[in-house]
Amino acid sequence: MKSIKIIKNQTVGGGDRYCNNVIAELKKNYKVQILSPESLRINSKSVIFSLWEYVKYVYFYLPHYYKKLGRSITNDKNNEIIIVFQDAYRKCPDIFQTLKLKSLYILHEPPREFYEPLNLHAPRLKDKIFTLIIRLPIYFIDRSNTKKASIIISNSKFSSENIKKIYKKKSKVIYPGLNIFSKERLVRQYQCISVGSLLPYKGHLTLIRAVSLISKKKPSIVIVGNGSEEQKNELLLEALKNNVKLKIISNITDRTLGSLYRKSSVYVNCAYKEPFGMTSLEGLGHGCSLVTTDRCGTEELKRFFPNNIFVSNGEINDISKKIELALNINMTKYDYSIFSWKKVASELIKTLIK
């Protein structure tokens, strides 16, 4: 049985889910070895000490670990399949500085805080200072490492074009797979759902304002995502001000998320330049219609599910109109198996060994 080395240092979110699903599929046919650095552990309540622990981990421990691992794998010469995932802290791992063998690099997204309006990713002053002072070297490190990757995998045509623009590198598009968390037959409510961090770039405020413009019966909104109390209160206050019924849920199980999809009529993605949107695909797979914006990877799903997806121009008025349309359509049943994780894993292997 051919063996596969997986290099990963994920934490939470879509990247972690993608990684875990690919690994689960590969384990069915290959001997999989997962290589990961030690986790960052900060136990001190001191801001200065915590910051030093972060700097020490990100700028000293991680590059040393990856460069040493790259040399070790290169010298091993066992002709193994090598798949590298983005690092949660450094984005492109430094393994490509020393790894001299053909490998796949799964590039979900560049460090977006350096390429998009900073307010969307670091709304608080202390977050801006942290990004511009402590995180700034990552901008240069990620670019240098990515340019040395042999084969890059992107998650959409939109992402592929972005990668080419930023890194001057071509990539192969392999769309992510779909997870079905619930097959319950639930009565759908007059409700919109949106899933993702409560940071501004996810567009939850835009969703609230779009729903507030619906003149007849306004749908309720459920937002599933983690964030600070300040971010939650800002969304709740906006909903109250606009007479929109809103519920925010954090830290839920996949099974509960599946039930929320099943109870909702429309999944709304207002995120800023979403690279692909795995949760948008999940919403569709659980029977929701989808409202999304143009100039992002999510709109590419319309090619596969044309009757259930409404693409707006990103303006609040147009998003509002698209939500109204989506709430009042009869859902078309599609074959979602084309977005299987088995297919994703198979395409990854074929790309590397062809």
Protein backbone atom coordinates (compact mmCIF):
# COMPACT_ATOMS: atom_id res chain seq x y z
CA MET A 1 0.00 0.00 0.00
CA LYS A 2 1.43 3.37 -1.07
CA SER A 3 1.94 5.78 1.81
CA ILE A 4 0.99 9.45 2.03
CA LYS A 5 2.55 12.13 4.18
CA ILE A 6 0.16 14.89 5.26
CA ILE A 7 1.70 18.07 6.63
CA LYS A 8 -0.86 20.12 8.54
CA ASN A 9 -1.24 22.67 11.30
CA GLN A 10 -4.92 23.63 11.20
CA THR A 11 -7.06 24.94 14.04
CA VAL A 12 -10.72 25.60 13.21
CA GLY A 13 -12.90 26.63 10.29
CA GLY A 14 -13.31 25.51 6.69
CA GLY A 15 -9.63 24.71 6.21
CA ASP A 16 -9.68 22.28 9.12
CA ARG A 17 -12.88 20.62 7.89
CA TYR A 18 -11.44 20.27 4.37
CA CYS A 19 -8.26 18.72 5.74
CA ASN A 20 -10.05 16.22 8.00
CA ASN A 21 -12.41 15.06 5.24
CA VAL A 22 -9.58 14.53 2.76
CA ILE A 23 -7.59 12.58 5.34
CA ALA A 24 -10.61 10.37 6.15
CA GLU A 25 -11.02 9.48 2.46
CA LEU A 26 -7.33 8.86 1.85
CA LYS A 27 -7.11 6.51 4.83
CA LYS A 28 -9.50 4.14 3.04
CA ASN A 29 -6.90 3.31 0.39
CA TYR A 30 -3.54 4.51 1.66
CA LYS A 31 -1.31 4.40 4.67
CA VAL A 32 -1.51 7.99 5.90
CA GLN A 33 1.08 9.62 8.17
CA ILE A 34 0.12 12.99 9.62
CA LEU A 35 2.99 15.31 10.48
CA SER A 36 2.14 18.34 12.59
CA PRO A 37 4.10 20.78 14.75
CA GLU A 38 3.34 21.14 18.42
CA SER A 39 0.30 23.29 19.19
CA LEU A 40 0.59 26.85 20.45
CA ARG A 41 -0.20 26.93 24.16
CA ILE A 42 -0.55 30.21 26.00
CA ASN A 43 -1.49 29.87 29.65
CA SER A 44 -0.35 33.24 30.98
CA LYS A 45 -2.79 36.09 31.63
CA SER A 46 -0.01 38.60 31.00
CA VAL A 47 -0.44 40.35 27.63
CA ILE A 48 3.32 40.84 27.20
CA PHE A 49 4.17 37.22 28.04
CA SER A 50 1.34 35.90 25.81
CA LEU A 51 2.57 38.05 22.92
CA TRP A 52 6.11 36.75 23.40
CA GLU A 53 4.86 33.14 23.39
CA TYR A 54 3.02 33.84 20.13
CA VAL A 55 6.08 35.45 18.50
CA LYS A 56 8.36 32.65 19.69
CA TYR A 57 6.01 29.99 18.27
CA VAL A 58 5.21 31.65 14.94
CA TYR A 59 8.60 33.17 14.06
CA PHE A 60 11.08 30.78 15.66
CA TYR A 61 9.58 27.37 16.36
CA LEU A 62 7.43 26.89 13.23
CA PRO A 63 10.02 27.84 10.56
CA HIS A 64 12.62 25.64 12.26
CA TYR A 65 10.16 22.73 12.44
CA TYR A 66 9.11 22.98 8.78
CA LYS A 67 12.62 23.41 7.36
CA LYS A 68 13.88 20.44 9.37
CA LEU A 69 10.88 18.36 8.25
CA GLY A 70 11.48 19.30 4.59
CA ARG A 71 15.09 18.09 4.75
CA SER A 72 14.05 14.88 6.48
CA ILE A 73 11.40 14.02 3.86
CA THR A 74 13.75 14.90 0.98
CA ASN A 75 16.50 12.65 2.37
CA ASP A 76 14.07 9.80 3.07
CA LYS A 77 13.49 9.15 -0.67
CA ASN A 78 10.68 6.64 -0.15
CA ASN A 79 8.73 7.98 -3.15
CA GLU A 80 5.76 8.86 -0.96
CA ILE A 81 2.84 11.10 -1.85
CA ILE A 82 3.24 14.45 -0.08
CA ILE A 83 0.31 16.80 0.59
CA VAL A 84 0.87 20.09 2.40
CA PHE A 85 -1.94 22.15 3.92
CA GLN A 86 -1.81 25.81 4.87
CA ASP A 87 -0.48 26.59 8.31
CA ALA A 88 -2.97 28.34 10.60
CA TYR A 89 -0.36 30.94 11.61
CA ARG A 90 2.15 31.29 8.75
CA LYS A 91 -0.18 30.46 5.82
CA CYS A 92 2.28 28.82 3.39
CA PRO A 93 4.58 26.58 5.50
CA ASP A 94 8.36 26.98 5.27
CA ILE A 95 8.69 23.32 4.30
CA PHE A 96 8.99 24.41 0.66
CA GLN A 97 12.31 26.08 1.47
CA THR A 98 13.92 22.66 1.97
CA LEU A 99 11.52 20.10 0.43
CA LYS A 100 12.97 19.09 -2.95
CA LEU A 101 10.33 16.51 -3.90
CA LYS A 102 7.14 16.91 -5.93
CA SER A 103 4.21 17.71 -3.65
CA LEU A 104 0.73 19.25 -3.49
CA TYR A 105 0.05 22.49 -1.65
CA ILE A 106 -3.62 23.04 -0.74
CA LEU A 107 -3.97 26.83 -0.81
CA HIS A 108 -7.38 27.81 0.56
CA GLU A 109 -6.76 31.56 0.56
CA PRO A 110 -3.91 34.06 0.90
CA PRO A 111 -3.53 36.00 4.18
CA ARG A 112 -6.50 38.17 3.28
CA GLU A 113 -5.86 40.85 5.89
CA PHE A 114 -2.95 42.05 3.69
CA TYR A 115 -4.89 42.14 0.41
CA GLU A 116 -8.31 43.41 1.49
CA PRO A 117 -9.58 46.35 3.58
CA LEU A 118 -8.07 45.88 7.04
CA ASN A 119 -11.30 46.95 8.82
CA LEU A 120 -13.00 43.79 7.54
CA HIS A 121 -10.49 41.49 9.24
CA ALA A 122 -9.26 43.58 12.17
CA PRO A 123 -12.07 45.92 13.26
CA ARG A 124 -10.63 46.86 16.67
CA LEU A 125 -7.62 49.16 17.05
CA LYS A 126 -5.61 46.53 18.94
CA ASP A 127 -6.31 44.02 16.16
CA LYS A 128 -5.02 46.49 13.57
CA ILE A 129 -1.86 47.11 15.59
CA PHE A 130 -1.32 43.37 15.99
CA THR A 131 -1.75 42.80 12.24
CA LEU A 132 0.42 45.70 11.08
CA ILE A 133 3.25 45.12 13.55
CA ILE A 134 3.28 41.52 14.74
CA ARG A 135 1.72 39.84 11.68
CA LEU A 136 3.24 41.95 8.88
CA PRO A 137 6.26 39.64 8.28
CA ILE A 138 3.78 36.90 7.30
CA TYR A 139 2.97 38.89 4.16
CA PHE A 140 6.53 38.43 2.90
CA ILE A 141 7.05 34.92 4.31
CA ASP A 142 3.88 33.56 2.70
CA ARG A 143 4.80 35.00 -0.71
CA SER A 144 8.33 33.62 -0.57
CA ASN A 145 7.23 30.13 0.48
CA THR A 146 4.33 29.89 -1.98
CA LYS A 147 6.59 30.68 -4.93
CA LYS A 148 8.61 27.55 -4.13
CA ALA A 149 5.57 25.19 -4.03
CA SER A 150 5.60 22.69 -6.91
CA ILE A 151 1.85 22.08 -7.45
CA ILE A 152 -0.84 24.37 -6.00
CA ILE A 153 -4.48 23.33 -5.53
CA SER A 154 -7.12 26.08 -5.40
CA ASN A 155 -10.79 25.77 -4.42
CA SER A 156 -12.44 27.77 -7.23
CA LYS A 157 -11.71 29.62 -10.46
CA PHE A 158 -12.03 32.84 -8.50
CA SER A 159 -9.32 31.67 -6.07
CA SER A 160 -7.14 30.42 -8.92
CA GLU A 161 -7.19 33.85 -10.56
CA ASN A 162 -6.42 35.49 -7.22
CA ILE A 163 -3.46 33.14 -6.66
CA LYS A 164 -2.10 33.91 -10.11
CA LYS A 165 -2.44 37.64 -9.47
CA ILE A 166 -0.79 37.59 -6.04
CA TYR A 167 1.84 34.87 -6.37
CA LYS A 168 2.30 34.71 -10.17
CA LYS A 169 1.67 30.95 -9.90
CA LYS A 170 -0.78 28.71 -11.72
CA SER A 171 -3.03 26.38 -9.73
CA LYS A 172 -5.37 23.50 -10.41
CA VAL A 173 -8.99 24.01 -9.37
CA ILE A 174 -10.53 21.20 -7.32
CA TYR A 175 -13.82 22.15 -5.69
CA PRO A 176 -14.29 21.05 -2.05
CA GLY A 177 -16.66 18.26 -1.09
CA LEU A 178 -20.02 18.40 0.62
CA ASN A 179 -20.86 17.23 4.14
CA ILE A 180 -24.43 16.14 4.92
CA PHE A 181 -24.96 16.42 8.68
CA SER A 182 -28.68 15.71 8.86
CA LYS A 183 -31.23 13.84 6.74
CA GLU A 184 -34.17 14.75 8.97
CA ARG A 185 -37.36 15.77 7.24
CA LEU A 186 -38.08 19.02 9.04
CA VAL A 187 -40.67 21.69 8.32
CA ARG A 188 -38.85 24.61 6.75
CA GLN A 189 -39.35 27.93 8.46
CA TYR A 190 -39.51 31.37 6.88
CA GLN A 191 -35.90 31.80 7.85
CA CYS A 192 -32.51 32.75 6.40
CA ILE A 193 -29.30 31.20 7.68
CA SER A 194 -25.72 32.44 7.45
CA VAL A 195 -22.67 30.62 8.83
CA GLY A 196 -19.26 32.06 9.60
CA SER A 197 -17.12 34.17 11.91
CA LEU A 198 -18.75 37.34 13.26
CA LEU A 199 -15.95 39.47 11.80
CA PRO A 200 -17.16 42.15 9.35
CA TYR A 201 -15.85 40.43 6.19
CA LYS A 202 -18.45 37.68 6.57
CA GLY A 203 -21.19 40.19 5.74
CA HIS A 204 -23.73 39.44 8.49
CA LEU A 205 -24.55 43.15 8.90
CA THR A 206 -25.26 43.34 5.18
CA LEU A 207 -27.68 40.40 5.51
CA ILE A 208 -29.58 42.11 8.36
CA ARG A 209 -29.89 45.34 6.39
CA ALA A 210 -31.01 43.48 3.26
CA VAL A 211 -33.75 41.60 5.15
CA SER A 212 -34.91 44.88 6.73
CA LEU A 213 -35.76 46.18 3.24
CA ILE A 214 -38.26 43.39 2.57
CA SER A 215 -41.58 45.23 2.63
CA LYS A 216 -43.95 42.32 3.21
CA LYS A 217 -43.29 39.55 5.72
CA LYS A 218 -39.66 39.68 6.85
CA PRO A 219 -37.92 36.32 7.32
CA SER A 220 -36.11 35.66 10.59
CA ILE A 221 -32.33 35.21 10.54
CA VAL A 222 -30.13 32.68 12.30
CA ILE A 223 -26.39 33.33 12.27
CA VAL A 224 -24.07 30.49 13.26
CA GLY A 225 -20.62 31.72 14.16
CA ASN A 226 -18.14 32.62 16.85
CA GLY A 227 -17.06 36.11 17.81
CA SER A 228 -16.63 38.55 20.66
CA GLU A 229 -19.50 39.84 22.78
CA GLU A 230 -18.93 43.23 21.17
CA GLN A 231 -19.46 41.71 17.70
CA LYS A 232 -22.58 39.84 18.81
CA ASN A 233 -24.06 42.94 20.39
CA GLU A 234 -23.41 45.00 17.26
CA LEU A 235 -25.37 42.49 15.15
CA LEU A 236 -28.21 42.19 17.67
CA LEU A 237 -28.47 45.98 17.95
CA GLU A 238 -28.60 46.34 14.16
CA ALA A 239 -31.37 43.73 13.98
CA LEU A 240 -33.36 45.45 16.75
CA LYS A 241 -32.95 48.82 15.05
CA ASN A 242 -34.23 47.38 11.76
CA ASN A 243 -37.06 45.30 13.25
CA VAL A 244 -35.46 42.01 12.15
CA LYS A 245 -35.75 38.85 14.23
CA LEU A 246 -32.21 37.53 14.77
CA LYS A 247 -30.69 34.63 16.64
CA ILE A 248 -26.92 34.09 16.96
CA ILE A 249 -25.68 30.60 17.82
CA SER A 250 -22.06 29.70 18.61
CA ASN A 251 -20.13 26.48 19.22
CA ILE A 252 -22.65 23.97 17.90
CA THR A 253 -22.27 20.37 16.78
CA ASP A 254 -22.41 19.36 13.12
CA ARG A 255 -25.68 17.53 13.80
CA THR A 256 -27.29 20.70 15.18
CA LEU A 257 -25.93 22.69 12.23
CA GLY A 258 -27.50 20.16 9.88
CA SER A 259 -30.86 20.60 11.60
CA LEU A 260 -30.61 24.38 11.28
CA TYR A 261 -29.94 24.03 7.57
CA ARG A 262 -32.98 21.74 7.25
CA LYS A 263 -35.20 24.24 9.08
CA SER A 264 -34.08 27.20 6.97
CA SER A 265 -35.38 28.18 3.56
CA VAL A 266 -32.48 30.25 2.29
CA TYR A 267 -28.75 30.28 2.91
CA VAL A 268 -27.41 33.82 2.39
CA ASN A 269 -23.74 34.45 1.68
CA CYS A 270 -22.84 38.15 1.84
CA ALA A 271 -19.17 37.55 2.62
CA TYR A 272 -16.60 39.82 1.01
CA LYS A 273 -14.92 38.03 -1.92
CA GLU A 274 -15.61 34.54 -0.52
CA PRO A 275 -13.00 32.17 -2.05
CA PHE A 276 -15.52 29.31 -2.34
CA GLY A 277 -17.90 28.95 0.60
CA MET A 278 -18.12 25.39 1.91
CA THR A 279 -21.03 26.32 4.16
CA SER A 280 -22.93 27.69 1.14
CA LEU A 281 -22.55 24.29 -0.49
CA GLU A 282 -23.67 22.61 2.75
CA GLY A 283 -26.78 24.79 2.81
CA LEU A 284 -27.65 23.72 -0.73
CA GLY A 285 -27.00 20.08 0.10
CA HIS A 286 -29.46 20.30 2.99
CA GLY A 287 -32.17 21.74 0.75
CA CYS A 288 -31.78 25.50 1.13
CA SER A 289 -31.84 27.83 -1.83
CA LEU A 290 -28.78 30.09 -1.97
CA VAL A 291 -28.38 33.84 -2.30
CA THR A 292 -24.82 34.97 -2.94
CA THR A 293 -22.94 37.85 -4.52
CA ASP A 294 -20.93 38.12 -7.70
CA ARG A 295 -17.14 38.54 -7.78
CA CYS A 296 -16.57 35.57 -5.47
CA GLY A 297 -16.03 31.81 -5.72
CA THR A 298 -19.49 30.93 -4.42
CA GLU A 299 -21.24 32.18 -7.55
CA GLU A 300 -19.53 29.37 -9.50
CA LEU A 301 -21.98 26.93 -7.87
CA LYS A 302 -24.72 28.34 -10.11
CA ARG A 303 -23.26 26.34 -13.00
CA PHE A 304 -24.12 23.13 -11.15
CA PHE A 305 -27.41 24.14 -9.49
CA PRO A 306 -28.88 26.88 -11.73
CA ASN A 307 -32.46 26.92 -10.40
CA ASN A 308 -31.64 27.21 -6.70
CA ILE A 309 -28.99 29.93 -6.72
CA PHE A 310 -29.58 33.68 -6.93
CA VAL A 311 -26.52 35.84 -7.61
CA SER A 312 -26.81 39.51 -6.62
CA ASN A 313 -24.57 42.41 -7.60
CA GLY A 314 -23.60 42.89 -3.95
CA GLU A 315 -25.74 45.98 -3.36
CA ILE A 316 -28.08 45.72 -0.35
CA ASN A 317 -31.20 46.47 -2.40
CA ASP A 318 -30.38 43.74 -4.90
CA ILE A 319 -29.53 41.22 -2.16
CA SER A 320 -32.93 41.98 -0.60
CA LYS A 321 -34.73 41.31 -3.89
CA LYS A 322 -32.83 38.06 -4.41
CA ILE A 323 -33.74 36.88 -0.89
CA GLU A 324 -37.43 37.51 -1.63
CA LEU A 325 -37.17 35.47 -4.84
CA ALA A 326 -35.32 32.64 -3.09
CA LEU A 327 -37.92 32.46 -0.32
CA ASN A 328 -40.70 31.88 -2.82
CA ILE A 329 -39.34 29.24 -5.19
CA ASN A 330 -39.95 25.52 -5.33
CA MET A 331 -36.66 23.77 -4.79
CA THR A 332 -35.26 21.67 -7.63
CA LYS A 333 -33.70 18.39 -6.54
CA TYR A 334 -30.13 17.87 -7.71
CA ASP A 335 -27.51 15.15 -7.52
CA TYR A 336 -25.02 16.55 -5.02
CA SER A 337 -22.72 13.51 -5.25
CA ILE A 338 -20.56 15.39 -7.76
CA PHE A 339 -19.22 17.22 -4.70
CA SER A 340 -18.09 14.13 -2.81
CA TRP A 341 -14.97 14.08 -0.66
CA LYS A 342 -14.07 10.78 -2.30
CA LYS A 343 -13.87 12.59 -5.63
CA VAL A 344 -11.76 15.38 -4.08
CA ALA A 345 -9.27 12.88 -2.63
CA SER A 346 -9.10 11.01 -5.95
CA GLU A 347 -8.44 14.18 -7.94
CA LEU A 348 -5.69 15.23 -5.54
CA ILE A 349 -3.85 11.93 -6.02
CA LYS A 350 -4.31 11.96 -9.80
CA THR A 351 -2.91 15.48 -9.98
CA LEU A 352 0.25 14.48 -8.14
CA ILE A 353 1.02 11.13 -9.78
CA LYS A 354 0.03 11.82 -13.39
